[in-house]
Amino acid sequence: MHDDDGYFDEHVAARYDESGEIAEMFDPAVVDPVIDFLVEIAGSGRALELGIGTGRIALPLRRRGVPVHGIELSKAMAARLRSKPGSEEIGVTIGDFATTTVDGTFSVAYLVFNTILNLTTQAAQIQCFRNVAAHLEPGGCFVIEVGVPELQRLPPGETIRAFHVSETSWGLDEYDVAMQGLTSHHFEIVDGRVAQNSVPFRYAWPSELDLMAQLAGMKLRERWSGWKREPFTSDSRKHVSVWEKPAV
């Protein structure tokens, strides 16, 4: 690990918004459905983003009228957020989102783009659900966007699957099935040289996340394969799940 910023240090943060497959995630066609979904869930309440990063979701969500507070481990990523217009309206608390607490309650908390997997133990993921439940107002919701583990797409004996390939960047996921481990290797040509960044994750199945929610006193309200509420099926590559805290 690099330093207190974890795997998203200054070197990574400096190019995060423009790098490889990440840049595509800033396209309005990708962002707008996320914002529409979260605006509906938030209602007239506040939103808590875990792993707020450089503000890809928080900034447009705030522009749509939803107050947003974020938790972010990386000071370097938070600094990139702070450099953007509108960021002065967003509060950011530096810390591990599994355990860090903030003031007030929220109608929605959310984790997008596989960020729940940055917690690399089951215990930490469970703690995250409990931490979120403690921040939600009665009837509030926890929303997670995360990929479905692609083990069925691995040929027998193989452990590596490409998830992004272009002329200038490549992304490879390396699975450790025994440990439910997943290391994402990112390679990109920068100034004529190949830069590498490898980040460890712990993958989790939808049913396992449901059990974590149950342990935290929440229950599944809805699950989709995308932000436009596409049906979740056996062929879905990811899911957007909403767990609800009891209203009373």
C-alpha atoms as a PDB file:
ATOM      1  CA  MET A   1       0.000   0.000   0.000  1.00  0.00           C
ATOM      2  CA  HIS A   2       1.353   3.403  -0.945  1.00  0.00           C
ATOM      3  CA  ASP A   3       0.564   5.513   2.130  1.00  0.00           C
ATOM      4  CA  ASP A   4      -2.435   6.830   4.013  1.00  0.00           C
ATOM      5  CA  ASP A   5      -4.162   7.375   0.660  1.00  0.00           C
ATOM      6  CA  GLY A   6      -4.253   3.636   0.100  1.00  0.00           C
ATOM      7  CA  TYR A   7      -4.097   2.578  -3.535  1.00  0.00           C
ATOM      8  CA  PHE A   8      -5.388   5.946  -4.763  1.00  0.00           C
ATOM      9  CA  ASP A   9      -2.381   8.143  -4.026  1.00  0.00           C
ATOM     10  CA  GLU A  10      -1.286  11.344  -5.755  1.00  0.00           C
ATOM     11  CA  HIS A  11       0.123   9.443  -8.721  1.00  0.00           C
ATOM     12  CA  VAL A  12      -3.204   7.713  -9.366  1.00  0.00           C
ATOM     13  CA  ALA A  13      -5.398  10.690  -8.449  1.00  0.00           C
ATOM     14  CA  ALA A  14      -3.583  13.022 -10.830  1.00  0.00           C
ATOM     15  CA  ARG A  15      -4.781  11.058 -13.861  1.00  0.00           C
ATOM     16  CA  TYR A  16      -7.814   9.247 -12.461  1.00  0.00           C
ATOM     17  CA  ASP A  17     -10.524  11.126 -14.365  1.00  0.00           C
ATOM     18  CA  GLU A  18      -8.765  10.728 -17.720  1.00  0.00           C
ATOM     19  CA  SER A  19      -7.322   7.241 -17.388  1.00  0.00           C
ATOM     20  CA  GLY A  20      -8.372   4.319 -19.567  1.00  0.00           C
ATOM     21  CA  GLU A  21     -11.738   2.806 -18.750  1.00  0.00           C
ATOM     22  CA  ILE A  22     -12.386   5.375 -15.978  1.00  0.00           C
ATOM     23  CA  ALA A  23     -12.729   8.247 -18.455  1.00  0.00           C
ATOM     24  CA  GLU A  24     -15.669   6.465 -20.087  1.00  0.00           C
ATOM     25  CA  MET A  25     -17.499   6.494 -16.746  1.00  0.00           C
ATOM     26  CA  PHE A  26     -17.718  10.312 -16.861  1.00  0.00           C
ATOM     27  CA  ASP A  27     -19.812  10.240 -20.054  1.00  0.00           C
ATOM     28  CA  PRO A  28     -23.242  11.823 -19.394  1.00  0.00           C
ATOM     29  CA  ALA A  29     -24.840   8.723 -20.920  1.00  0.00           C
ATOM     30  CA  VAL A  30     -23.293   6.761 -18.038  1.00  0.00           C
ATOM     31  CA  VAL A  31     -23.712   9.341 -15.272  1.00  0.00           C
ATOM     32  CA  ASP A  32     -27.230  10.657 -15.935  1.00  0.00           C
ATOM     33  CA  PRO A  33     -29.121   7.394 -15.210  1.00  0.00           C
ATOM     34  CA  VAL A  34     -27.219   7.090 -11.911  1.00  0.00           C
ATOM     35  CA  ILE A  35     -28.247  10.603 -10.916  1.00  0.00           C
ATOM     36  CA  ASP A  36     -31.885  10.043 -11.910  1.00  0.00           C
ATOM     37  CA  PHE A  37     -32.000   6.886  -9.788  1.00  0.00           C
ATOM     38  CA  LEU A  38     -30.392   8.481  -6.727  1.00  0.00           C
ATOM     39  CA  VAL A  39     -32.509  11.638  -6.927  1.00  0.00           C
ATOM     40  CA  GLU A  40     -35.621   9.463  -6.772  1.00  0.00           C
ATOM     41  CA  ILE A  41     -34.330   7.430  -3.832  1.00  0.00           C
ATOM     42  CA  ALA A  42     -33.087  10.490  -1.922  1.00  0.00           C
ATOM     43  CA  GLY A  43     -36.397  12.353  -2.135  1.00  0.00           C
ATOM     44  CA  SER A  44     -36.111  15.484  -0.025  1.00  0.00           C
ATOM     45  CA  GLY A  45     -33.321  14.051   2.143  1.00  0.00           C
ATOM     46  CA  ARG A  46     -29.543  14.045   2.184  1.00  0.00           C
ATOM     47  CA  ALA A  47     -27.169  11.647   0.435  1.00  0.00           C
ATOM     48  CA  LEU A  48     -24.013  10.039   1.830  1.00  0.00           C
ATOM     49  CA  GLU A  49     -21.475   8.806  -0.715  1.00  0.00           C
ATOM     50  CA  LEU A  50     -18.951   6.240   0.461  1.00  0.00           C
ATOM     51  CA  GLY A  51     -15.750   6.551  -1.530  1.00  0.00           C
ATOM     52  CA  ILE A  52     -16.679   9.905  -3.058  1.00  0.00           C
ATOM     53  CA  GLY A  53     -13.437  10.061  -5.040  1.00  0.00           C
ATOM     54  CA  THR A  54     -13.154  12.985  -7.440  1.00  0.00           C
ATOM     55  CA  GLY A  55     -16.884  13.667  -7.438  1.00  0.00           C
ATOM     56  CA  ARG A  56     -18.043  11.893 -10.606  1.00  0.00           C
ATOM     57  CA  ILE A  57     -21.463  11.263  -9.044  1.00  0.00           C
ATOM     58  CA  ALA A  58     -21.571  13.691  -6.114  1.00  0.00           C
ATOM     59  CA  LEU A  59     -21.172  16.890  -8.144  1.00  0.00           C
ATOM     60  CA  PRO A  60     -24.019  16.284 -10.631  1.00  0.00           C
ATOM     61  CA  LEU A  61     -26.187  14.900  -7.819  1.00  0.00           C
ATOM     62  CA  ARG A  62     -25.671  18.122  -5.867  1.00  0.00           C
ATOM     63  CA  ARG A  63     -26.526  20.137  -8.976  1.00  0.00           C
ATOM     64  CA  ARG A  64     -29.846  18.271  -9.051  1.00  0.00           C
ATOM     65  CA  GLY A  65     -30.621  19.653  -5.595  1.00  0.00           C
ATOM     66  CA  VAL A  66     -29.621  16.754  -3.335  1.00  0.00           C
ATOM     67  CA  PRO A  67     -27.318  17.701  -0.431  1.00  0.00           C
ATOM     68  CA  VAL A  68     -24.312  15.370  -0.509  1.00  0.00           C
ATOM     69  CA  HIS A  69     -21.660  14.481   2.049  1.00  0.00           C
ATOM     70  CA  GLY A  70     -18.814  12.139   1.182  1.00  0.00           C
ATOM     71  CA  ILE A  71     -16.372   9.851   2.954  1.00  0.00           C
ATOM     72  CA  GLU A  72     -13.038   9.335   1.203  1.00  0.00           C
ATOM     73  CA  LEU A  73      -9.858   7.599   2.352  1.00  0.00           C
ATOM     74  CA  SER A  74      -7.578   9.292  -0.181  1.00  0.00           C
ATOM     75  CA  LYS A  75      -6.664  12.918   0.500  1.00  0.00           C
ATOM     76  CA  ALA A  76      -5.289  13.101  -3.036  1.00  0.00           C
ATOM     77  CA  MET A  77      -8.624  12.081  -4.584  1.00  0.00           C
ATOM     78  CA  ALA A  78     -10.506  14.494  -2.300  1.00  0.00           C
ATOM     79  CA  ALA A  79      -8.165  17.279  -3.400  1.00  0.00           C
ATOM     80  CA  ARG A  80      -9.155  16.645  -7.027  1.00  0.00           C
ATOM     81  CA  LEU A  81     -12.793  16.940  -6.018  1.00  0.00           C
ATOM     82  CA  ARG A  82     -12.050  20.183  -4.187  1.00  0.00           C
ATOM     83  CA  SER A  83     -10.565  21.670  -7.372  1.00  0.00           C
ATOM     84  CA  LYS A  84     -13.849  21.354  -9.265  1.00  0.00           C
ATOM     85  CA  PRO A  85     -16.656  23.939  -9.514  1.00  0.00           C
ATOM     86  CA  GLY A  86     -19.488  23.268  -7.085  1.00  0.00           C
ATOM     87  CA  SER A  87     -17.376  21.224  -4.694  1.00  0.00           C
ATOM     88  CA  GLU A  88     -17.657  23.894  -2.025  1.00  0.00           C
ATOM     89  CA  GLU A  89     -21.247  22.726  -1.496  1.00  0.00           C
ATOM     90  CA  ILE A  90     -20.145  19.172  -0.703  1.00  0.00           C
ATOM     91  CA  GLY A  91     -18.754  18.121   2.665  1.00  0.00           C
ATOM     92  CA  VAL A  92     -16.002  15.527   2.717  1.00  0.00           C
ATOM     93  CA  THR A  93     -14.763  13.516   5.701  1.00  0.00           C
ATOM     94  CA  ILE A  94     -11.413  11.771   5.296  1.00  0.00           C
ATOM     95  CA  GLY A  95     -11.446   8.186   6.527  1.00  0.00           C
ATOM     96  CA  ASP A  96     -12.271   4.527   5.931  1.00  0.00           C
ATOM     97  CA  PHE A  97     -15.930   4.343   4.915  1.00  0.00           C
ATOM     98  CA  ALA A  98     -16.414   1.060   6.760  1.00  0.00           C
ATOM     99  CA  THR A  99     -15.965   2.768  10.120  1.00  0.00           C
ATOM    100  CA  THR A 100     -15.889   6.558   9.682  1.00  0.00           C
ATOM    101  CA  THR A 101     -18.905   8.402  11.065  1.00  0.00           C
ATOM    102  CA  VAL A 102     -20.312  11.803  10.105  1.00  0.00           C
ATOM    103  CA  ASP A 103     -22.904  14.080  11.650  1.00  0.00           C
ATOM    104  CA  GLY A 104     -26.590  13.851  10.846  1.00  0.00           C
ATOM    105  CA  THR A 105     -28.735  11.252   9.118  1.00  0.00           C
ATOM    106  CA  PHE A 106     -29.340  10.529   5.466  1.00  0.00           C
ATOM    107  CA  SER A 107     -32.196   9.282   3.302  1.00  0.00           C
ATOM    108  CA  VAL A 108     -29.759   7.449   1.028  1.00  0.00           C
ATOM    109  CA  ALA A 109     -26.190   6.174   1.205  1.00  0.00           C
ATOM    110  CA  TYR A 110     -24.544   4.832  -1.905  1.00  0.00           C
ATOM    111  CA  LEU A 111     -21.467   2.993  -3.162  1.00  0.00           C
ATOM    112  CA  VAL A 112     -20.964   2.935  -6.937  1.00  0.00           C
ATOM    113  CA  PHE A 113     -18.577   1.399  -9.464  1.00  0.00           C
ATOM    114  CA  ASN A 114     -17.563  -1.676  -7.406  1.00  0.00           C
ATOM    115  CA  THR A 115     -16.284   0.420  -4.490  1.00  0.00           C
ATOM    116  CA  ILE A 116     -17.692  -1.976  -1.864  1.00  0.00           C
ATOM    117  CA  LEU A 117     -15.037  -4.435  -3.070  1.00  0.00           C
ATOM    118  CA  ASN A 118     -12.258  -2.084  -1.923  1.00  0.00           C
ATOM    119  CA  LEU A 119     -12.980  -3.528   1.510  1.00  0.00           C
ATOM    120  CA  THR A 120     -10.901  -6.679   1.226  1.00  0.00           C
ATOM    121  CA  THR A 121     -12.326  -8.742   4.107  1.00  0.00           C
ATOM    122  CA  GLN A 122     -15.822  -9.997   4.810  1.00  0.00           C
ATOM    123  CA  ALA A 123     -15.651  -8.433   8.267  1.00  0.00           C
ATOM    124  CA  ALA A 124     -14.956  -4.991   6.800  1.00  0.00           C
ATOM    125  CA  GLN A 125     -17.807  -5.317   4.323  1.00  0.00           C
ATOM    126  CA  ILE A 126     -20.195  -6.289   7.123  1.00  0.00           C
ATOM    127  CA  GLN A 127     -18.965  -3.334   9.183  1.00  0.00           C
ATOM    128  CA  CYS A 128     -19.694  -1.064   6.228  1.00  0.00           C
ATOM    129  CA  PHE A 129     -23.319  -2.192   6.113  1.00  0.00           C
ATOM    130  CA  ARG A 130     -23.651  -1.620   9.860  1.00  0.00           C
ATOM    131  CA  ASN A 131     -22.032   1.805   9.586  1.00  0.00           C
ATOM    132  CA  VAL A 132     -24.427   2.791   6.814  1.00  0.00           C
ATOM    133  CA  ALA A 133     -27.462   1.549   8.752  1.00  0.00           C
ATOM    134  CA  ALA A 134     -26.422   3.742  11.676  1.00  0.00           C
ATOM    135  CA  HIS A 135     -26.348   6.795   9.379  1.00  0.00           C
ATOM    136  CA  LEU A 136     -29.675   6.186   7.633  1.00  0.00           C
ATOM    137  CA  GLU A 137     -32.896   7.740   8.817  1.00  0.00           C
ATOM    138  CA  PRO A 138     -35.839   5.330   9.293  1.00  0.00           C
ATOM    139  CA  GLY A 139     -36.963   4.192   5.840  1.00  0.00           C
ATOM    140  CA  GLY A 140     -33.621   5.249   4.335  1.00  0.00           C
ATOM    141  CA  CYS A 141     -31.868   3.184   1.680  1.00  0.00           C
ATOM    142  CA  PHE A 142     -28.403   1.841   0.932  1.00  0.00           C
ATOM    143  CA  VAL A 143     -27.607   1.593  -2.800  1.00  0.00           C
ATOM    144  CA  ILE A 144     -24.692  -0.416  -4.190  1.00  0.00           C
ATOM    145  CA  GLU A 145     -23.540  -0.819  -7.793  1.00  0.00           C
ATOM    146  CA  VAL A 146     -21.187  -3.784  -8.124  1.00  0.00           C
ATOM    147  CA  GLY A 147     -20.218  -6.417 -10.629  1.00  0.00           C
ATOM    148  CA  VAL A 148     -21.319 -10.028 -10.449  1.00  0.00           C
ATOM    149  CA  PRO A 149     -18.207 -12.222 -10.050  1.00  0.00           C
ATOM    150  CA  GLU A 150     -17.367 -13.545 -13.505  1.00  0.00           C
ATOM    151  CA  LEU A 151     -16.176 -16.972 -12.469  1.00  0.00           C
ATOM    152  CA  GLN A 152     -18.446 -18.742 -14.950  1.00  0.00           C
ATOM    153  CA  ARG A 153     -16.670 -16.866 -17.757  1.00  0.00           C
ATOM    154  CA  LEU A 154     -13.246 -18.175 -16.752  1.00  0.00           C
ATOM    155  CA  PRO A 155     -12.068 -21.211 -18.734  1.00  0.00           C
ATOM    156  CA  PRO A 156     -11.155 -24.181 -16.502  1.00  0.00           C
ATOM    157  CA  GLY A 157      -7.795 -23.572 -14.860  1.00  0.00           C
ATOM    158  CA  GLU A 158      -7.641 -19.893 -15.838  1.00  0.00           C
ATOM    159  CA  THR A 159      -7.488 -17.122 -13.242  1.00  0.00           C
ATOM    160  CA  ILE A 160      -7.260 -13.958 -15.371  1.00  0.00           C
ATOM    161  CA  ARG A 161      -9.972 -12.228 -17.371  1.00  0.00           C
ATOM    162  CA  ALA A 162      -9.637  -9.043 -19.441  1.00  0.00           C
ATOM    163  CA  PHE A 163     -12.275  -6.428 -18.614  1.00  0.00           C
ATOM    164  CA  HIS A 164     -10.930  -3.543 -20.724  1.00  0.00           C
ATOM    165  CA  VAL A 165      -8.753  -3.566 -23.829  1.00  0.00           C
ATOM    166  CA  SER A 166      -7.890  -0.590 -26.036  1.00  0.00           C
ATOM    167  CA  GLU A 167      -4.865   0.608 -28.010  1.00  0.00           C
ATOM    168  CA  THR A 168      -3.507   2.546 -25.034  1.00  0.00           C
ATOM    169  CA  SER A 169      -4.845   0.806 -21.930  1.00  0.00           C
ATOM    170  CA  TRP A 170      -5.626  -2.660 -20.640  1.00  0.00           C
ATOM    171  CA  GLY A 171      -7.449  -3.966 -17.586  1.00  0.00           C
ATOM    172  CA  LEU A 172      -7.085  -7.526 -16.281  1.00  0.00           C
ATOM    173  CA  ASP A 173      -8.888  -9.098 -13.333  1.00  0.00           C
ATOM    174  CA  GLU A 174      -6.992 -11.850 -11.508  1.00  0.00           C
ATOM    175  CA  TYR A 175      -9.141 -14.152  -9.359  1.00  0.00           C
ATOM    176  CA  ASP A 176      -8.187 -16.068  -6.219  1.00  0.00           C
ATOM    177  CA  VAL A 177     -11.259 -18.252  -5.796  1.00  0.00           C
ATOM    178  CA  ALA A 178     -10.197 -19.856  -2.508  1.00  0.00           C
ATOM    179  CA  MET A 179      -9.959 -16.426  -0.824  1.00  0.00           C
ATOM    180  CA  GLN A 180     -12.724 -14.664  -2.811  1.00  0.00           C
ATOM    181  CA  GLY A 181      -9.940 -12.365  -3.902  1.00  0.00           C
ATOM    182  CA  LEU A 182      -9.795 -10.246  -7.023  1.00  0.00           C
ATOM    183  CA  THR A 183      -6.843  -8.099  -8.076  1.00  0.00           C
ATOM    184  CA  SER A 184      -7.495  -5.582 -10.835  1.00  0.00           C
ATOM    185  CA  HIS A 185      -4.409  -4.838 -12.889  1.00  0.00           C
ATOM    186  CA  HIS A 186      -4.521  -1.605 -14.878  1.00  0.00           C
ATOM    187  CA  PHE A 187      -1.927  -0.925 -17.580  1.00  0.00           C
ATOM    188  CA  GLU A 188      -1.768   2.312 -19.553  1.00  0.00           C
ATOM    189  CA  ILE A 189       0.678   3.932 -21.954  1.00  0.00           C
ATOM    190  CA  VAL A 190       1.680   7.272 -20.439  1.00  0.00           C
ATOM    191  CA  ASP A 191       4.321   9.400 -22.171  1.00  0.00           C
ATOM    192  CA  GLY A 192       5.500   6.419 -24.169  1.00  0.00           C
ATOM    193  CA  ARG A 193       5.880   4.136 -21.167  1.00  0.00           C
ATOM    194  CA  VAL A 194       3.604   1.520 -19.636  1.00  0.00           C
ATOM    195  CA  ALA A 195       2.257   2.515 -16.219  1.00  0.00           C
ATOM    196  CA  GLN A 196       0.802  -0.166 -13.959  1.00  0.00           C
ATOM    197  CA  ASN A 197      -1.574   0.069 -11.017  1.00  0.00           C
ATOM    198  CA  SER A 198      -2.835  -3.078  -9.281  1.00  0.00           C
ATOM    199  CA  VAL A 199      -5.613  -2.900  -6.697  1.00  0.00           C
ATOM    200  CA  PRO A 200      -6.860  -5.759  -4.489  1.00  0.00           C
ATOM    201  CA  PHE A 201     -10.574  -6.379  -3.972  1.00  0.00           C
ATOM    202  CA  ARG A 202     -12.800  -8.938  -2.285  1.00  0.00           C
ATOM    203  CA  TYR A 203     -15.665 -10.008  -4.502  1.00  0.00           C
ATOM    204  CA  ALA A 204     -19.046 -10.810  -2.989  1.00  0.00           C
ATOM    205  CA  TRP A 205     -22.159 -12.469  -4.374  1.00  0.00           C
ATOM    206  CA  PRO A 206     -25.556 -10.716  -4.342  1.00  0.00           C
ATOM    207  CA  SER A 207     -26.885 -13.201  -1.792  1.00  0.00           C
ATOM    208  CA  GLU A 208     -23.897 -12.566   0.465  1.00  0.00           C
ATOM    209  CA  LEU A 209     -24.546  -8.818   0.365  1.00  0.00           C
ATOM    210  CA  ASP A 210     -28.201  -9.483   1.217  1.00  0.00           C
ATOM    211  CA  LEU A 211     -27.063 -11.361   4.315  1.00  0.00           C
ATOM    212  CA  MET A 212     -24.756  -8.488   5.277  1.00  0.00           C
ATOM    213  CA  ALA A 213     -27.713  -6.131   4.988  1.00  0.00           C
ATOM    214  CA  GLN A 214     -29.809  -8.451   7.158  1.00  0.00           C
ATOM    215  CA  LEU A 215     -27.098  -8.484   9.814  1.00  0.00           C
ATOM    216  CA  ALA A 216     -27.239  -4.674   9.776  1.00  0.00           C
ATOM    217  CA  GLY A 217     -31.031  -4.638  10.155  1.00  0.00           C
ATOM    218  CA  MET A 218     -31.875  -3.846   6.530  1.00  0.00           C
ATOM    219  CA  LYS A 219     -33.701  -5.805   3.846  1.00  0.00           C
ATOM    220  CA  LEU A 220     -33.560  -5.935   0.059  1.00  0.00           C
ATOM    221  CA  ARG A 221     -36.068  -3.603  -1.578  1.00  0.00           C
ATOM    222  CA  GLU A 222     -35.089  -3.917  -5.234  1.00  0.00           C
ATOM    223  CA  ARG A 223     -32.329  -5.281  -7.456  1.00  0.00           C
ATOM    224  CA  TRP A 224     -31.640  -4.422 -11.095  1.00  0.00           C
ATOM    225  CA  SER A 225     -28.913  -5.080 -13.621  1.00  0.00           C
ATOM    226  CA  GLY A 226     -28.446  -1.349 -14.259  1.00  0.00           C
ATOM    227  CA  TRP A 227     -29.450   2.163 -13.276  1.00  0.00           C
ATOM    228  CA  LYS A 228     -32.339   2.214 -15.760  1.00  0.00           C
ATOM    229  CA  ARG A 229     -33.940  -0.630 -13.785  1.00  0.00           C
ATOM    230  CA  GLU A 230     -33.168  -3.306 -16.326  1.00  0.00           C
ATOM    231  CA  PRO A 231     -34.223  -6.741 -14.982  1.00  0.00           C
ATOM    232  CA  PHE A 232     -31.589  -8.662 -13.048  1.00  0.00           C
ATOM    233  CA  THR A 233     -31.046 -12.088 -14.619  1.00  0.00           C
ATOM    234  CA  SER A 234     -28.571 -14.968 -14.640  1.00  0.00           C
ATOM    235  CA  ASP A 235     -26.744 -13.185 -17.472  1.00  0.00           C
ATOM    236  CA  SER A 236     -26.382  -9.818 -15.697  1.00  0.00           C
ATOM    237  CA  ARG A 237     -22.784  -8.609 -15.437  1.00  0.00           C
ATOM    238  CA  LYS A 238     -23.523  -6.274 -12.516  1.00  0.00           C
ATOM    239  CA  HIS A 239     -26.327  -5.339 -10.153  1.00  0.00           C
ATOM    240  CA  VAL A 240     -27.717  -2.178  -8.619  1.00  0.00           C
ATOM    241  CA  SER A 241     -29.224  -3.204  -5.288  1.00  0.00           C
ATOM    242  CA  VAL A 242     -31.256  -1.184  -2.796  1.00  0.00           C
ATOM    243  CA  TRP A 243     -31.575  -2.230   0.833  1.00  0.00           C
ATOM    244  CA  GLU A 244     -33.993  -0.422   3.122  1.00  0.00           C
ATOM    245  CA  LYS A 245     -33.820   0.377   6.820  1.00  0.00           C
ATOM    246  CA  PRO A 246     -37.138  -0.223   8.607  1.00  0.00           C
ATOM    247  CA  ALA A 247     -39.353   2.846   8.763  1.00  0.00           C
ATOM    248  CA  VAL A 248     -40.024   2.359  12.475  1.00  0.00           C
END
